Each structure stands twice: as structure tokens, then as C-alpha cells.
Amino acid sequence: MEFSYEKAVNRIKEITKLLESDDIEMEKSFELFAEAKKLMEECEKYLDKKQAEFNILVEDNFDDREAGNHDEDIPF
């Protein structure tokens, strides 16, 4: 199954609410915590990858503008 950042964040929010409730057993809380930790690590990897992709796009655009390729005026 393909990773969905939005679904992972929503699941982390659900887990947080469950962990904050008084109706949860200790063993279940450990399981949920482990799940949330794994999801947060996956989110961090996803965001790192997207940041790297963004940086490449910005650098490519900057390089094009320095080379005199002004196909588009970008306001930044």
C-alpha cells in the first residue's frame, strides 16, 4: 500500500486522543504508542524526501535564470 502523509497524520491524531483517554489498558497504550512512533518516522522520511525534491526544483530554476533562460517570471 502506498504511503499517504495525510492518512498517517490523521491516524497519529486518533492515537493521541486514544492515549489521552482514561479507558485504555497499559498494553494497548504501548501498542498504540509504537504505531504512532512508526508513523511519525515515516512522515519525517516523506517530508525529507519532499524537501529534497523541492530544493532540486528551486536550484534548477535558479540555474536556468542565471543561464539566461527566463521562460517564466517567478516572483521569488
PDB file of N, CA and C in Angstrom:
ATOM      1  N   MET A   1       0.840  -1.182   0.000  1.00  0.00           N
ATOM      2  CA  MET A   1       0.000   0.000   0.000  1.00  0.00           C
ATOM      3  C   MET A   1       0.885   1.246   0.000  1.00  0.00           C
ATOM      4  N   GLU A   2       0.512   2.227  -0.799  1.00  0.00           N
ATOM      5  CA  GLU A   2       1.279   3.466  -0.911  1.00  0.00           C
ATOM      6  C   GLU A   2       1.081   4.343   0.319  1.00  0.00           C
ATOM      7  N   PHE A   3       2.139   4.971   0.760  1.00  0.00           N
ATOM      8  CA  PHE A   3       2.107   5.836   1.938  1.00  0.00           C
ATOM      9  C   PHE A   3       1.312   7.097   1.644  1.00  0.00           C
ATOM     10  N   SER A   4       0.462   7.475   2.576  1.00  0.00           N
ATOM     11  CA  SER A   4      -0.298   8.727   2.493  1.00  0.00           C
ATOM     12  C   SER A   4       0.027   9.557   3.735  1.00  0.00           C
ATOM     13  N   TYR A   5       0.669  10.695   3.509  1.00  0.00           N
ATOM     14  CA  TYR A   5       1.037  11.575   4.621  1.00  0.00           C
ATOM     15  C   TYR A   5      -0.200  12.012   5.397  1.00  0.00           C
ATOM     16  N   GLU A   6      -1.237  12.392   4.685  1.00  0.00           N
ATOM     17  CA  GLU A   6      -2.456  12.878   5.335  1.00  0.00           C
ATOM     18  C   GLU A   6      -3.109  11.796   6.194  1.00  0.00           C
ATOM     19  N   LYS A   7      -3.146  10.568   5.677  1.00  0.00           N
ATOM     20  CA  LYS A   7      -3.728   9.469   6.449  1.00  0.00           C
ATOM     21  C   LYS A   7      -2.890   9.175   7.684  1.00  0.00           C
ATOM     22  N   ALA A   8      -1.580   9.240   7.540  1.00  0.00           N
ATOM     23  CA  ALA A   8      -0.701   8.985   8.678  1.00  0.00           C
ATOM     24  C   ALA A   8      -0.905  10.039   9.765  1.00  0.00           C
ATOM     25  N   VAL A   9      -0.994  11.301   9.369  1.00  0.00           N
ATOM     26  CA  VAL A   9      -1.205  12.371  10.346  1.00  0.00           C
ATOM     27  C   VAL A   9      -2.549  12.195  11.045  1.00  0.00           C
ATOM     28  N   ASN A  10      -3.569  11.848  10.286  1.00  0.00           N
ATOM     29  CA  ASN A  10      -4.890  11.620  10.895  1.00  0.00           C
ATOM     30  C   ASN A  10      -4.855  10.453  11.881  1.00  0.00           C
ATOM     31  N   ARG A  11      -4.138   9.400  11.531  1.00  0.00           N
ATOM     32  CA  ARG A  11      -4.029   8.250  12.438  1.00  0.00           C
ATOM     33  C   ARG A  11      -3.270   8.634  13.706  1.00  0.00           C
ATOM     34  N   ILE A  12      -2.225   9.431  13.564  1.00  0.00           N
ATOM     35  CA  ILE A  12      -1.484   9.891  14.736  1.00  0.00           C
ATOM     36  C   ILE A  12      -2.407  10.709  15.649  1.00  0.00           C
ATOM     37  N   LYS A  13      -3.249  11.532  15.063  1.00  0.00           N
ATOM     38  CA  LYS A  13      -4.209  12.317  15.853  1.00  0.00           C
ATOM     39  C   LYS A  13      -5.186  11.395  16.593  1.00  0.00           C
ATOM     40  N   GLU A  14      -5.666  10.367  15.900  1.00  0.00           N
ATOM     41  CA  GLU A  14      -6.568   9.395  16.531  1.00  0.00           C
ATOM     42  C   GLU A  14      -5.877   8.715  17.712  1.00  0.00           C
ATOM     43  N   ILE A  15      -4.654   8.281  17.489  1.00  0.00           N
ATOM     44  CA  ILE A  15      -3.900   7.590  18.535  1.00  0.00           C
ATOM     45  C   ILE A  15      -3.693   8.513  19.727  1.00  0.00           C
ATOM     46  N   THR A  16      -3.383   9.766  19.461  1.00  0.00           N
ATOM     47  CA  THR A  16      -3.175  10.735  20.540  1.00  0.00           C
ATOM     48  C   THR A  16      -4.421  10.853  21.400  1.00  0.00           C
ATOM     49  N   LYS A  17      -5.575  10.930  20.765  1.00  0.00           N
ATOM     50  CA  LYS A  17      -6.834  11.013  21.521  1.00  0.00           C
ATOM     51  C   LYS A  17      -7.061   9.750  22.353  1.00  0.00           C
ATOM     52  N   LEU A  18      -6.763   8.610  21.758  1.00  0.00           N
ATOM     53  CA  LEU A  18      -6.928   7.354  22.494  1.00  0.00           C
ATOM     54  C   LEU A  18      -5.987   7.294  23.701  1.00  0.00           C
ATOM     55  N   LEU A  19      -4.755   7.724  23.502  1.00  0.00           N
ATOM     56  CA  LEU A  19      -3.784   7.689  24.599  1.00  0.00           C
ATOM     57  C   LEU A  19      -4.133   8.677  25.710  1.00  0.00           C
ATOM     58  N   GLU A  20      -4.827   9.738  25.366  1.00  0.00           N
ATOM     59  CA  GLU A  20      -5.219  10.732  26.357  1.00  0.00           C
ATOM     60  C   GLU A  20      -6.458  10.301  27.151  1.00  0.00           C
ATOM     61  N   SER A  21      -7.155   9.290  26.658  1.00  0.00           N
ATOM     62  CA  SER A  21      -8.352   8.823  27.358  1.00  0.00           C
ATOM     63  C   SER A  21      -7.968   7.959  28.558  1.00  0.00           C
ATOM     64  N   ASP A  22      -8.865   7.876  29.507  1.00  0.00           N
ATOM     65  CA  ASP A  22      -8.627   7.076  30.711  1.00  0.00           C
ATOM     66  C   ASP A  22      -9.043   5.617  30.535  1.00  0.00           C
ATOM     67  N   ASP A  23      -9.643   5.285  29.410  1.00  0.00           N
ATOM     68  CA  ASP A  23     -10.234   3.965  29.205  1.00  0.00           C
ATOM     69  C   ASP A  23      -9.303   2.984  28.496  1.00  0.00           C
ATOM     70  N   ILE A  24      -8.030   3.237  28.487  1.00  0.00           N
ATOM     71  CA  ILE A  24      -7.126   2.395  27.713  1.00  0.00           C
ATOM     72  C   ILE A  24      -6.214   1.598  28.654  1.00  0.00           C
ATOM     73  N   GLU A  25      -6.040   0.327  28.324  1.00  0.00           N
ATOM     74  CA  GLU A  25      -5.168  -0.532  29.124  1.00  0.00           C
ATOM     75  C   GLU A  25      -3.707  -0.259  28.780  1.00  0.00           C
ATOM     76  N   MET A  26      -2.851  -0.553  29.723  1.00  0.00           N
ATOM     77  CA  MET A  26      -1.416  -0.270  29.577  1.00  0.00           C
ATOM     78  C   MET A  26      -0.835  -0.935  28.332  1.00  0.00           C
ATOM     79  N   GLU A  27      -1.112  -2.206  28.120  1.00  0.00           N
ATOM     80  CA  GLU A  27      -0.549  -2.922  26.971  1.00  0.00           C
ATOM     81  C   GLU A  27      -0.994  -2.294  25.654  1.00  0.00           C
ATOM     82  N   LYS A  28      -2.264  -1.942  25.573  1.00  0.00           N
ATOM     83  CA  LYS A  28      -2.790  -1.304  24.363  1.00  0.00           C
ATOM     84  C   LYS A  28      -2.130   0.056  24.151  1.00  0.00           C
ATOM     85  N   SER A  29      -1.877   0.787  25.223  1.00  0.00           N
ATOM     86  CA  SER A  29      -1.234   2.096  25.087  1.00  0.00           C
ATOM     87  C   SER A  29       0.173   1.952  24.515  1.00  0.00           C
ATOM     88  N   PHE A  30       0.898   0.905  24.914  1.00  0.00           N
ATOM     89  CA  PHE A  30       2.223   0.669  24.360  1.00  0.00           C
ATOM     90  C   PHE A  30       2.148   0.345  22.866  1.00  0.00           C
ATOM     91  N   GLU A  31       1.178  -0.460  22.488  1.00  0.00           N
ATOM     92  CA  GLU A  31       0.991  -0.804  21.073  1.00  0.00           C
ATOM     93  C   GLU A  31       0.683   0.439  20.248  1.00  0.00           C
ATOM     94  N   LEU A  32      -0.212   1.271  20.758  1.00  0.00           N
ATOM     95  CA  LEU A  32      -0.576   2.489  20.045  1.00  0.00           C
ATOM     96  C   LEU A  32       0.594   3.459  19.953  1.00  0.00           C
ATOM     97  N   PHE A  33       1.332   3.573  21.035  1.00  0.00           N
ATOM     98  CA  PHE A  33       2.497   4.451  21.031  1.00  0.00           C
ATOM     99  C   PHE A  33       3.501   3.999  19.977  1.00  0.00           C
ATOM    100  N   ALA A  34       3.757   2.697  19.911  1.00  0.00           N
ATOM    101  CA  ALA A  34       4.692   2.156  18.921  1.00  0.00           C
ATOM    102  C   ALA A  34       4.197   2.433  17.502  1.00  0.00           C
ATOM    103  N   GLU A  35       2.901   2.296  17.278  1.00  0.00           N
ATOM    104  CA  GLU A  35       2.327   2.579  15.961  1.00  0.00           C
ATOM    105  C   GLU A  35       2.513   4.055  15.603  1.00  0.00           C
ATOM    106  N   ALA A  36       2.225   4.933  16.554  1.00  0.00           N
ATOM    107  CA  ALA A  36       2.370   6.372  16.310  1.00  0.00           C
ATOM    108  C   ALA A  36       3.823   6.730  16.030  1.00  0.00           C
ATOM    109  N   LYS A  37       4.743   6.134  16.767  1.00  0.00           N
ATOM    110  CA  LYS A  37       6.173   6.405  16.562  1.00  0.00           C
ATOM    111  C   LYS A  37       6.596   5.989  15.160  1.00  0.00           C
ATOM    112  N   LYS A  38       6.150   4.838  14.712  1.00  0.00           N
ATOM    113  CA  LYS A  38       6.478   4.359  13.364  1.00  0.00           C
ATOM    114  C   LYS A  38       5.903   5.307  12.314  1.00  0.00           C
ATOM    115  N   LEU A  39       4.658   5.730  12.516  1.00  0.00           N
ATOM    116  CA  LEU A  39       4.029   6.650  11.569  1.00  0.00           C
ATOM    117  C   LEU A  39       4.769   7.991  11.518  1.00  0.00           C
ATOM    118  N   MET A  40       5.188   8.482  12.671  1.00  0.00           N
ATOM    119  CA  MET A  40       5.922   9.751  12.702  1.00  0.00           C
ATOM    120  C   MET A  40       7.256   9.632  11.971  1.00  0.00           C
ATOM    121  N   GLU A  41       7.919   8.488  12.105  1.00  0.00           N
ATOM    122  CA  GLU A  41       9.175   8.269  11.391  1.00  0.00           C
ATOM    123  C   GLU A  41       8.939   8.237   9.887  1.00  0.00           C
ATOM    124  N   GLU A  42       7.848   7.595   9.454  1.00  0.00           N
ATOM    125  CA  GLU A  42       7.511   7.556   8.034  1.00  0.00           C
ATOM    126  C   GLU A  42       7.177   8.954   7.514  1.00  0.00           C
ATOM    127  N   CYS A  43       6.471   9.740   8.323  1.00  0.00           N
ATOM    128  CA  CYS A  43       6.143  11.118   7.940  1.00  0.00           C
ATOM    129  C   CYS A  43       7.416  11.943   7.783  1.00  0.00           C
ATOM    130  N   GLU A  44       8.345  11.765   8.708  1.00  0.00           N
ATOM    131  CA  GLU A  44       9.599  12.509   8.643  1.00  0.00           C
ATOM    132  C   GLU A  44      10.379  12.156   7.377  1.00  0.00           C
ATOM    133  N   LYS A  45      10.443  10.871   7.038  1.00  0.00           N
ATOM    134  CA  LYS A  45      11.126  10.442   5.811  1.00  0.00           C
ATOM    135  C   LYS A  45      10.454  11.047   4.582  1.00  0.00           C
ATOM    136  N   TYR A  46       9.122  11.017   4.583  1.00  0.00           N
ATOM    137  CA  TYR A  46       8.352  11.569   3.466  1.00  0.00           C
ATOM    138  C   TYR A  46       8.646  13.062   3.304  1.00  0.00           C
ATOM    139  N   LEU A  47       8.613  13.809   4.412  1.00  0.00           N
ATOM    140  CA  LEU A  47       8.860  15.249   4.357  1.00  0.00           C
ATOM    141  C   LEU A  47      10.297  15.554   3.938  1.00  0.00           C
ATOM    142  N   ASP A  48      11.243  14.759   4.406  1.00  0.00           N
ATOM    143  CA  ASP A  48      12.637  14.938   3.989  1.00  0.00           C
ATOM    144  C   ASP A  48      12.781  14.744   2.481  1.00  0.00           C
ATOM    145  N   LYS A  49      12.111  13.717   1.959  1.00  0.00           N
ATOM    146  CA  LYS A  49      12.157  13.443   0.518  1.00  0.00           C
ATOM    147  C   LYS A  49      11.541  14.592  -0.266  1.00  0.00           C
ATOM    148  N   LYS A  50      10.389  15.080   0.196  1.00  0.00           N
ATOM    149  CA  LYS A  50       9.718  16.183  -0.499  1.00  0.00           C
ATOM    150  C   LYS A  50      10.545  17.461  -0.418  1.00  0.00           C
ATOM    151  N   GLN A  51      11.215  17.695   0.704  1.00  0.00           N
ATOM    152  CA  GLN A  51      12.080  18.875   0.838  1.00  0.00           C
ATOM    153  C   GLN A  51      13.229  18.794  -0.160  1.00  0.00           C
ATOM    154  N   ALA A  52      13.818  17.610  -0.306  1.00  0.00           N
ATOM    155  CA  ALA A  52      14.917  17.424  -1.258  1.00  0.00           C
ATOM    156  C   ALA A  52      14.424  17.663  -2.689  1.00  0.00           C
ATOM    157  N   GLU A  53      13.240  17.158  -3.020  1.00  0.00           N
ATOM    158  CA  GLU A  53      12.674  17.370  -4.351  1.00  0.00           C
ATOM    159  C   GLU A  53      12.433  18.859  -4.603  1.00  0.00           C
ATOM    160  N   PHE A  54      11.915  19.550  -3.603  1.00  0.00           N
ATOM    161  CA  PHE A  54      11.666  20.984  -3.713  1.00  0.00           C
ATOM    162  C   PHE A  54      12.979  21.734  -3.928  1.00  0.00           C
ATOM    163  N   ASN A  55      13.994  21.381  -3.148  1.00  0.00           N
ATOM    164  CA  ASN A  55      15.291  22.040  -3.277  1.00  0.00           C
ATOM    165  C   ASN A  55      15.864  21.874  -4.678  1.00  0.00           C
ATOM    166  N   ILE A  56      15.715  20.691  -5.252  1.00  0.00           N
ATOM    167  CA  ILE A  56      16.191  20.440  -6.613  1.00  0.00           C
ATOM    168  C   ILE A  56      15.449  21.323  -7.605  1.00  0.00           C
ATOM    169  N   LEU A  57      14.135  21.424  -7.455  1.00  0.00           N
ATOM    170  CA  LEU A  57      13.347  22.271  -8.356  1.00  0.00           C
ATOM    171  C   LEU A  57      13.770  23.728  -8.259  1.00  0.00           C
ATOM    172  N   VAL A  58      13.961  24.205  -7.052  1.00  0.00           N
ATOM    173  CA  VAL A  58      14.361  25.596  -6.855  1.00  0.00           C
ATOM    174  C   VAL A  58      15.756  25.827  -7.431  1.00  0.00           C
ATOM    175  N   GLU A  59      16.684  24.914  -7.181  1.00  0.00           N
ATOM    176  CA  GLU A  59      18.043  25.049  -7.700  1.00  0.00           C
ATOM    177  C   GLU A  59      18.048  25.018  -9.224  1.00  0.00           C
ATOM    178  N   ASP A  60      17.259  24.109  -9.813  1.00  0.00           N
ATOM    179  CA  ASP A  60      17.184  24.038 -11.279  1.00  0.00           C
ATOM    180  C   ASP A  60      16.657  25.345 -11.840  1.00  0.00           C
ATOM    181  N   ASN A  61      15.629  25.899 -11.214  1.00  0.00           N
ATOM    182  CA  ASN A  61      15.058  27.150 -11.681  1.00  0.00           C
ATOM    183  C   ASN A  61      16.070  28.284 -11.539  1.00  0.00           C
ATOM    184  N   PHE A  62      16.775  28.312 -10.414  1.00  0.00           N
ATOM    185  CA  PHE A  62      17.792  29.342 -10.192  1.00  0.00           C
ATOM    186  C   PHE A  62      18.900  29.234 -11.234  1.00  0.00           C
ATOM    187  N   ASP A  63      19.345  27.993 -11.504  1.00  0.00           N
ATOM    188  CA  ASP A  63      20.389  27.769 -12.504  1.00  0.00           C
ATOM    189  C   ASP A  63      19.927  28.232 -13.886  1.00  0.00           C
ATOM    190  N   ASP A  64      18.664  27.940 -14.237  1.00  0.00           N
ATOM    191  CA  ASP A  64      18.114  28.366 -15.521  1.00  0.00           C
ATOM    192  C   ASP A  64      18.089  29.887 -15.627  1.00  0.00           C
ATOM    193  N   ARG A  65      17.703  30.571 -14.541  1.00  0.00           N
ATOM    194  CA  ARG A  65      17.627  32.023 -14.569  1.00  0.00           C
ATOM    195  C   ARG A  65      19.021  32.636 -14.679  1.00  0.00           C
ATOM    196  N   GLU A  66      20.004  32.038 -14.015  1.00  0.00           N
ATOM    197  CA  GLU A  66      21.374  32.541 -14.123  1.00  0.00           C
ATOM    198  C   GLU A  66      21.927  32.343 -15.525  1.00  0.00           C
ATOM    199  N   ALA A  67      21.475  31.274 -16.197  1.00  0.00           N
ATOM    200  CA  ALA A  67      21.946  30.983 -17.547  1.00  0.00           C
ATOM    201  C   ALA A  67      21.219  31.835 -18.586  1.00  0.00           C
ATOM    202  N   GLY A  68      20.267  32.633 -18.157  1.00  0.00           N
ATOM    203  CA  GLY A  68      19.539  33.499 -19.083  1.00  0.00           C
ATOM    204  C   GLY A  68      18.270  32.888 -19.631  1.00  0.00           C
ATOM    205  N   ASN A  69      17.859  31.768 -19.117  1.00  0.00           N
ATOM    206  CA  ASN A  69      16.609  31.138 -19.549  1.00  0.00           C
ATOM    207  C   ASN A  69      15.464  31.685 -18.712  1.00  0.00           C
ATOM    208  N   HIS A  70      14.805  32.685 -19.219  1.00  0.00           N
ATOM    209  CA  HIS A  70      13.737  33.357 -18.479  1.00  0.00           C
ATOM    210  C   HIS A  70      12.383  33.041 -19.098  1.00  0.00           C
ATOM    211  N   ASP A  71      12.078  31.773 -19.217  1.00  0.00           N
ATOM    212  CA  ASP A  71      10.805  31.393 -19.817  1.00  0.00           C
ATOM    213  C   ASP A  71       9.627  31.885 -18.994  1.00  0.00           C
ATOM    214  N   GLU A  72       9.784  31.889 -17.709  1.00  0.00           N
ATOM    215  CA  GLU A  72       8.713  32.300 -16.821  1.00  0.00           C
ATOM    216  C   GLU A  72       9.260  33.288 -15.806  1.00  0.00           C
ATOM    217  N   ASP A  73       8.477  34.274 -15.479  1.00  0.00           N
ATOM    218  CA  ASP A  73       8.845  35.175 -14.396  1.00  0.00           C
ATOM    219  C   ASP A  73       8.255  34.633 -13.109  1.00  0.00           C
ATOM    220  N   ILE A  74       9.127  34.228 -12.229  1.00  0.00           N
ATOM    221  CA  ILE A  74       8.718  33.705 -10.942  1.00  0.00           C
ATOM    222  C   ILE A  74       9.017  34.785  -9.905  1.00  0.00           C
ATOM    223  N   PRO A  75       8.026  35.146  -9.093  1.00  0.00           N
ATOM    224  CA  PRO A  75       8.191  36.298  -8.210  1.00  0.00           C
ATOM    225  C   PRO A  75       9.121  36.106  -7.024  1.00  0.00           C
ATOM    226  N   PHE A  76       9.849  35.004  -6.959  1.00  0.00           N
ATOM    227  CA  PHE A  76      10.785  34.850  -5.832  1.00  0.00           C
ATOM    228  C   PHE A  76      12.137  34.436  -6.315  1.00  0.00           C
TER     229      PHE A  76
END
